[in-house]
Protein backbone atom coordinates (compact mmCIF):
# COMPACT_ATOMS: atom_id res chain seq x y z
CA UNK A 1 114.05 106.74 108.84
CA UNK A 2 110.70 105.67 110.30
CA UNK A 3 111.98 105.78 113.89
CA UNK A 4 112.56 109.51 113.69
CA UNK A 5 109.10 110.11 112.27
CA UNK A 6 107.44 107.81 114.80
CA UNK A 7 109.12 109.71 117.65
CA UNK A 8 107.48 112.89 116.42
CA UNK A 9 104.16 111.08 116.08
CA UNK A 10 104.40 109.76 119.65
CA UNK A 11 104.17 113.27 121.09
CA UNK A 12 101.12 114.33 123.15
CA UNK A 13 99.58 115.98 120.08
CA UNK A 14 99.88 112.75 118.13
CA UNK A 15 97.28 112.58 115.37
CA UNK A 16 98.05 109.01 114.37
CA UNK A 17 97.06 107.39 117.66
CA UNK A 18 94.47 109.93 118.79
CA UNK A 19 92.61 109.90 115.43
CA UNK A 20 91.34 113.47 115.84
CA UNK A 21 92.51 114.31 112.32
CA UNK A 22 92.13 111.85 109.51
CA UNK A 23 95.36 112.75 107.66
CA UNK A 24 98.84 113.65 108.86
CA UNK A 25 101.63 115.46 107.03
CA UNK A 26 103.09 112.15 105.86
CA UNK A 27 99.83 111.32 104.04
CA UNK A 28 99.66 114.34 101.78
CA UNK A 29 102.42 113.37 99.28
CA UNK A 30 100.86 109.93 98.81
CA UNK A 31 97.38 111.33 98.27
CA UNK A 32 98.61 114.02 95.88
CA UNK A 33 100.61 111.44 93.90
CA UNK A 34 97.62 109.08 93.67
CA UNK A 35 95.22 111.81 92.52
CA UNK A 36 97.77 113.17 90.04
CA UNK A 37 98.33 109.67 88.66
CA UNK A 38 94.60 109.17 88.27
CA UNK A 39 94.18 112.48 86.43
CA UNK A 40 97.14 111.79 84.14
CA UNK A 41 95.79 108.31 83.47
CA UNK A 42 92.39 109.66 82.44
CA UNK A 43 94.06 112.26 80.23
CA UNK A 44 96.24 109.65 78.55
CA UNK A 45 93.26 107.33 78.10
CA UNK A 46 91.18 109.90 76.23
CA UNK A 47 93.84 112.06 74.55
CA UNK A 48 96.85 109.88 73.72
CA UNK A 49 96.55 106.13 73.92
CA UNK A 50 94.42 103.80 76.01
CA UNK A 51 97.35 101.51 76.77
CA UNK A 52 99.35 104.38 78.26
CA UNK A 53 96.33 105.35 80.33
CA UNK A 54 96.00 101.83 81.70
CA UNK A 55 99.72 101.69 82.50
CA UNK A 56 99.67 104.95 84.44
CA UNK A 57 96.32 104.02 86.02
CA UNK A 58 97.95 100.97 87.58
CA UNK A 59 100.20 103.28 89.58
CA UNK A 60 97.28 104.47 91.71
CA UNK A 61 96.76 101.24 93.70
CA UNK A 62 100.54 100.84 93.99
CA UNK A 63 100.92 104.32 95.47
CA UNK A 64 98.01 103.75 97.85
CA UNK A 65 99.42 100.36 98.87
CA UNK A 66 102.77 101.95 99.64
CA UNK A 67 100.94 104.61 101.68
CA UNK A 68 99.18 101.92 103.73
CA UNK A 69 102.51 100.19 104.35
CA UNK A 70 104.13 103.40 105.57
CA UNK A 71 101.15 104.14 107.83
CA UNK A 72 101.32 100.64 109.32
CA UNK A 73 105.04 100.97 110.07
CA UNK A 74 104.52 104.37 111.67
CA UNK A 75 101.57 103.13 113.70
CA UNK A 76 103.47 100.04 114.88
CA UNK A 77 106.44 102.18 115.94
CA UNK A 78 104.20 104.64 117.78
CA UNK A 79 102.35 101.84 119.59
CA UNK A 80 105.63 100.13 120.50
CA UNK A 81 107.04 103.35 121.92
CA UNK A 82 103.87 104.00 123.89
CA UNK A 83 103.88 100.48 125.37
CA UNK A 84 107.55 100.87 126.39
CA UNK A 85 106.81 104.17 128.13
CA UNK A 86 103.95 102.67 130.13
């Protein structure tokens, strides 16, 4: 799964290695999910039950941690492919 994505990221217009843009297309679902989880957590905290808000609020660092893991795998694959090509 990640090999196919890393091949696309290893193209000359690669944003992951060139760092011209902060976020790539793979980042948007993770960021949207984290922000949505935070907003739902705050809503649950104030409107329903604090325990539910805390439970959903704990999803935010989990989602962001998963995002970091995916970015590291993609970056490692892109760097490995670039070092093989050189």
